[in-house]
Protein backbone atom coordinates (compact mmCIF):
# COMPACT_ATOMS: atom_id res chain seq x y z
CA MET A 1 23.28 -5.70 -9.67
CA ALA A 2 20.73 -2.99 -8.48
CA THR A 3 17.91 -2.27 -11.36
CA CYS A 4 14.93 -0.19 -11.90
CA ARG A 5 11.94 -0.98 -13.27
CA SER A 6 9.89 2.31 -14.67
CA ILE A 7 6.87 3.57 -17.10
CA PHE A 8 6.62 6.60 -19.07
CA TYR A 9 3.30 7.79 -19.14
CA TYR A 10 1.65 10.80 -21.32
CA PRO A 11 -1.91 12.52 -21.55
CA SER A 12 -1.86 -2.07 18.01
CA LEU A 13 -3.63 -4.49 15.32
CA LEU A 14 -4.43 -8.11 15.45
CA LEU A 15 -3.70 -10.45 12.12
CA ARG A 16 -6.03 -12.85 10.92
CA PRO A 17 -3.62 -15.68 8.97
CA LEU A 18 -4.63 -18.26 6.92
CA HIS A 19 -2.52 -21.08 8.18
CA HIS A 20 -1.40 -19.38 12.05
CA PRO A 21 -2.53 -18.33 15.14
CA VAL A 22 -3.80 -14.96 15.66
CA LEU A 23 -0.91 -12.65 15.92
CA SER A 24 0.12 -9.27 17.41
CA ALA A 25 2.75 -6.63 16.60
CA SER A 26 4.42 -3.68 18.37
CA THR A 27 5.72 -0.91 16.27
CA SER A 28 8.39 -0.21 17.71
CA CYS A 29 10.92 -0.71 14.80
CA PHE A 30 12.04 -3.44 11.54
CA PRO A 31 15.77 -4.23 13.17
CA ASN A 32 16.56 -6.51 10.12
CA TYR A 33 16.42 -4.23 6.94
CA PRO A 34 19.24 -2.70 5.57
CA SER A 35 18.89 1.49 4.92
CA GLU A 36 19.81 0.80 1.32
CA LEU A 37 17.15 0.11 -1.66
CA SER A 38 17.02 -3.21 -3.04
CA LYS A 39 16.31 -2.91 -7.12
CA SER A 40 15.87 0.73 -7.57
CA THR A 41 17.81 4.00 -8.09
CA LYS A 42 18.05 6.91 -6.11
CA LEU A 43 14.56 8.07 -4.35
CA PRO A 44 13.86 11.64 -3.08
CA LEU A 45 12.65 11.83 0.33
CA LEU A 46 9.92 13.88 1.26
CA ARG A 47 9.75 16.67 3.43
CA ARG A 48 8.81 16.58 6.85
CA SER A 49 5.62 17.66 8.64
CA PRO A 50 3.88 17.18 11.78
CA ARG A 51 2.31 13.94 12.03
CA PRO A 52 -1.58 14.06 10.35
CA ARG A 53 -4.56 13.02 12.44
CA CYS A 54 -5.78 9.00 11.75
CA THR A 55 -8.84 7.95 13.44
CA SER A 56 -8.65 4.27 15.13
CA SER A 57 -9.41 0.71 13.34
CA MET A 58 -12.96 -0.58 13.88
CA GLU A 59 -14.90 -3.25 13.26
CA SER A 60 -16.38 -1.62 10.18
CA PRO A 61 -15.49 1.76 8.27
CA PRO A 62 -16.23 4.59 9.22
CA GLU A 63 -19.28 7.19 7.81
CA GLY A 64 -18.02 8.91 5.40
CA TYR A 65 -14.91 7.50 4.28
CA ARG A 66 -14.56 5.31 0.96
CA LYS A 67 -13.86 1.88 1.14
CA ASN A 68 -10.52 1.12 -0.04
CA VAL A 69 -8.32 -1.90 0.20
CA GLY A 70 -4.52 -2.02 0.79
CA ILE A 71 -1.73 -4.50 -0.65
CA CYS A 72 1.43 -5.47 1.07
CA LEU A 73 3.15 -7.42 -1.35
CA ILE A 74 6.21 -9.18 0.07
CA ASN A 75 8.81 -10.87 -2.46
CA PRO A 76 10.50 -14.15 -1.39
CA SER A 77 13.24 -12.18 -0.29
CA LYS A 78 10.59 -10.71 2.90
CA LYS A 79 11.07 -6.81 0.62
CA ILE A 80 8.26 -4.79 0.51
CA PHE A 81 7.11 -3.73 -3.23
CA GLY A 82 6.81 -0.36 -3.59
CA ALA A 83 5.75 2.25 -6.34
CA SER A 84 6.18 6.06 -7.86
CA ARG A 85 2.54 7.91 -7.95
CA LEU A 86 2.44 9.65 -11.79
CA ASP A 87 0.57 12.53 -10.29
CA ILE A 88 3.06 12.81 -7.34
CA PRO A 89 6.39 11.41 -8.93
CA ASP A 90 8.34 11.86 -5.15
CA ALA A 91 5.67 9.89 -3.11
CA TRP A 92 6.07 5.70 -2.84
CA GLN A 93 2.96 3.96 -1.79
CA MET A 94 1.97 0.12 -1.68
CA PRO A 95 -0.81 -0.70 -4.17
CA GLN A 96 -4.69 0.40 -3.02
CA GLY A 97 -7.74 0.60 -4.43
CA GLY A 98 -11.47 1.20 -4.20
CA ILE A 99 -13.95 -1.72 -3.25
CA ASP A 100 -16.95 -2.08 -5.95
CA GLU A 101 -20.27 -2.25 -4.68
CA SER A 102 -20.78 -5.88 -2.73
CA GLU A 103 -17.31 -6.89 -3.23
CA ASP A 104 -15.41 -8.98 -1.40
CA PRO A 105 -12.35 -6.99 0.28
CA LYS A 106 -9.89 -9.36 -0.66
CA VAL A 107 -11.13 -10.23 -3.98
CA ALA A 108 -10.76 -6.08 -4.87
CA ALA A 109 -7.45 -6.29 -3.38
CA ILE A 110 -6.41 -9.27 -5.78
CA ARG A 111 -8.20 -7.18 -8.55
CA GLU A 112 -6.17 -4.19 -7.70
CA LEU A 113 -3.17 -5.52 -7.10
CA LYS A 114 -3.48 -6.84 -10.87
CA GLU A 115 -5.07 -3.56 -12.45
CA GLU A 116 -2.09 -1.77 -10.79
CA THR A 117 0.76 -3.87 -11.44
CA GLY A 118 0.07 -6.43 -13.77
CA VAL A 119 0.63 -9.56 -11.13
CA SER A 120 -1.79 -12.60 -10.41
CA SER A 121 0.70 -14.64 -9.06
CA ALA A 122 0.29 -14.10 -5.46
CA GLU A 123 -0.92 -15.70 -2.48
CA VAL A 124 -2.50 -14.04 0.51
CA LEU A 125 -0.86 -14.79 3.91
CA ALA A 126 -2.77 -12.57 6.15
CA GLU A 127 -5.49 -9.51 6.84
CA THR A 128 -6.16 -6.84 8.86
CA PRO A 129 -9.32 -7.65 10.54
CA SER A 130 -10.10 -4.34 11.18
CA TRP A 131 -10.67 -1.00 9.03
CA LEU A 132 -8.07 1.85 9.45
CA ALA A 133 -8.81 5.24 8.11
CA TYR A 134 -6.51 8.61 7.14
CA ASP A 135 -8.14 11.59 6.39
CA PHE A 136 -7.57 13.36 2.95
CA PRO A 137 -5.80 17.09 3.38
CA PRO A 138 -7.81 19.95 2.23
CA GLU A 139 -6.36 20.22 -1.38
CA VAL A 140 -6.49 16.68 -2.20
CA ARG A 141 -10.14 16.30 -0.60
CA GLU A 142 -10.78 19.20 -2.88
CA LYS A 143 -9.26 17.10 -6.13
CA LEU A 144 -11.08 13.73 -5.16
CA LYS A 145 -14.36 15.32 -4.79
CA HIS A 146 -14.23 16.67 -8.88
CA GLN A 147 -12.34 13.51 -9.78
CA TRP A 148 -14.65 10.62 -8.43
CA GLY A 149 -17.65 12.87 -7.94
CA SER A 150 -18.42 12.32 -4.26
CA ASP A 151 -17.23 14.33 -1.16
CA TRP A 152 -15.01 11.79 1.11
CA LYS A 153 -13.29 12.38 4.23
CA GLY A 154 -10.86 10.24 3.77
CA GLN A 155 -10.68 6.06 3.03
CA ALA A 156 -11.07 3.47 5.15
CA GLN A 157 -8.82 0.29 4.17
CA LYS A 158 -8.54 -3.24 4.90
CA TRP A 159 -5.41 -4.44 4.31
CA PHE A 160 -4.31 -7.57 3.07
CA LEU A 161 -0.09 -9.37 3.11
CA LEU A 162 0.30 -11.35 0.08
CA LYS A 163 3.61 -13.20 -1.17
CA PHE A 164 4.42 -12.58 -4.69
CA THR A 165 5.23 -15.86 -6.48
CA GLY A 166 6.01 -15.31 -9.74
CA ASN A 167 8.65 -13.57 -12.03
CA GLU A 168 9.91 -9.88 -11.60
CA GLU A 169 8.85 -9.60 -15.80
CA GLU A 170 5.15 -10.52 -14.97
CA ILE A 171 5.32 -6.35 -12.97
CA ASN A 172 4.30 -4.12 -15.21
CA LEU A 173 2.89 -0.85 -14.36
CA LEU A 174 0.55 -0.64 -17.48
CA GLY A 175 -1.41 -3.09 -15.10
CA ASP A 176 -3.66 -5.26 -17.08
CA GLY A 177 -4.39 -2.69 -19.69
CA LYS A 178 -8.27 -1.86 -18.07
CA GLU A 179 -7.48 0.95 -15.83
CA LYS A 180 -4.94 4.60 -16.23
CA PRO A 181 -1.82 3.70 -15.04
CA GLU A 182 -0.53 5.01 -11.82
CA PHE A 183 2.99 4.52 -11.06
CA GLY A 184 5.94 5.46 -12.88
CA GLU A 185 8.75 3.56 -11.20
CA TRP A 186 9.19 0.50 -8.65
CA SER A 187 11.18 -1.13 -5.93
CA TRP A 188 11.42 -3.82 -3.37
CA MET A 189 11.75 -1.81 0.08
CA SER A 190 11.98 -2.41 3.12
CA PRO A 191 9.72 -0.96 6.47
CA GLU A 192 11.61 1.97 7.52
CA GLN A 193 12.07 2.96 3.52
CA ILE A 194 7.60 2.53 2.59
CA ILE A 195 6.91 4.79 5.23
CA ASP A 196 10.24 7.06 4.73
CA ARG A 197 8.70 7.47 1.14
CA ALA A 198 5.09 7.63 1.51
CA VAL A 199 3.14 11.04 1.87
CA ASP A 200 3.00 12.30 5.04
CA PHE A 201 -1.26 11.78 5.69
CA LYS A 202 -0.51 7.89 5.14
CA LYS A 203 2.33 7.41 7.34
CA PRO A 204 0.23 6.56 10.56
CA VAL A 205 -1.68 3.91 8.86
CA TYR A 206 1.52 2.43 7.26
CA LYS A 207 2.89 2.21 10.39
CA GLU A 208 0.39 0.10 11.85
CA VAL A 209 0.14 -1.86 8.84
CA LEU A 210 3.57 -2.68 8.86
CA ALA A 211 3.85 -3.21 12.56
CA ALA A 212 0.75 -5.75 12.38
CA PHE A 213 2.76 -8.01 9.52
CA ALA A 214 6.32 -7.65 11.03
CA PRO A 215 6.04 -11.31 11.77
CA TYR A 216 6.07 -12.22 8.25
CA PHE A 217 9.30 -9.99 7.81
CA GLN A 218 11.42 -11.68 10.07
């Protein structure tokens, strides 16, 4: 039985797995996933626009980009956690967040996952050793400049693959109560669905990340 969870709020990469040899993945396709969503109602599709520019991967974050972590959380059925943003309801994404000063990226990923989704029962499976960066569109950059008090070109992200080991009752989009909620609905999704429903300027990074983690989705 399909369900949907929601809240209402007002006011080429290489993997660095923990227990596996270094892996590489192609960006070709994900043939084993159905087109329908699991645990979700209908999701609106975004309008398509030309492919945005995405900087290449690198060993250290590029200058002028905010350091950030991304979390690809999968369940035992190897579906990916995605959630809709409260500020952009049609945009779905994987959890992500900034890295505090001197904070280890892996620690930041675990912290951000709990802050945004309430999830603490998760096991780190792999990470991308390189940073991936995307540029903010001008209107987004201007909005975040006022919100953060800093003018960043975009975000440079270190991505982690985590396996959810708890019960779904643990998932709470109010998070751990320390931060303002960011999401309105969540769903377990296929890689194609995650990419399809992401905002356009994040799609290139999402494609690379999910291609890199593809061996874990089989």
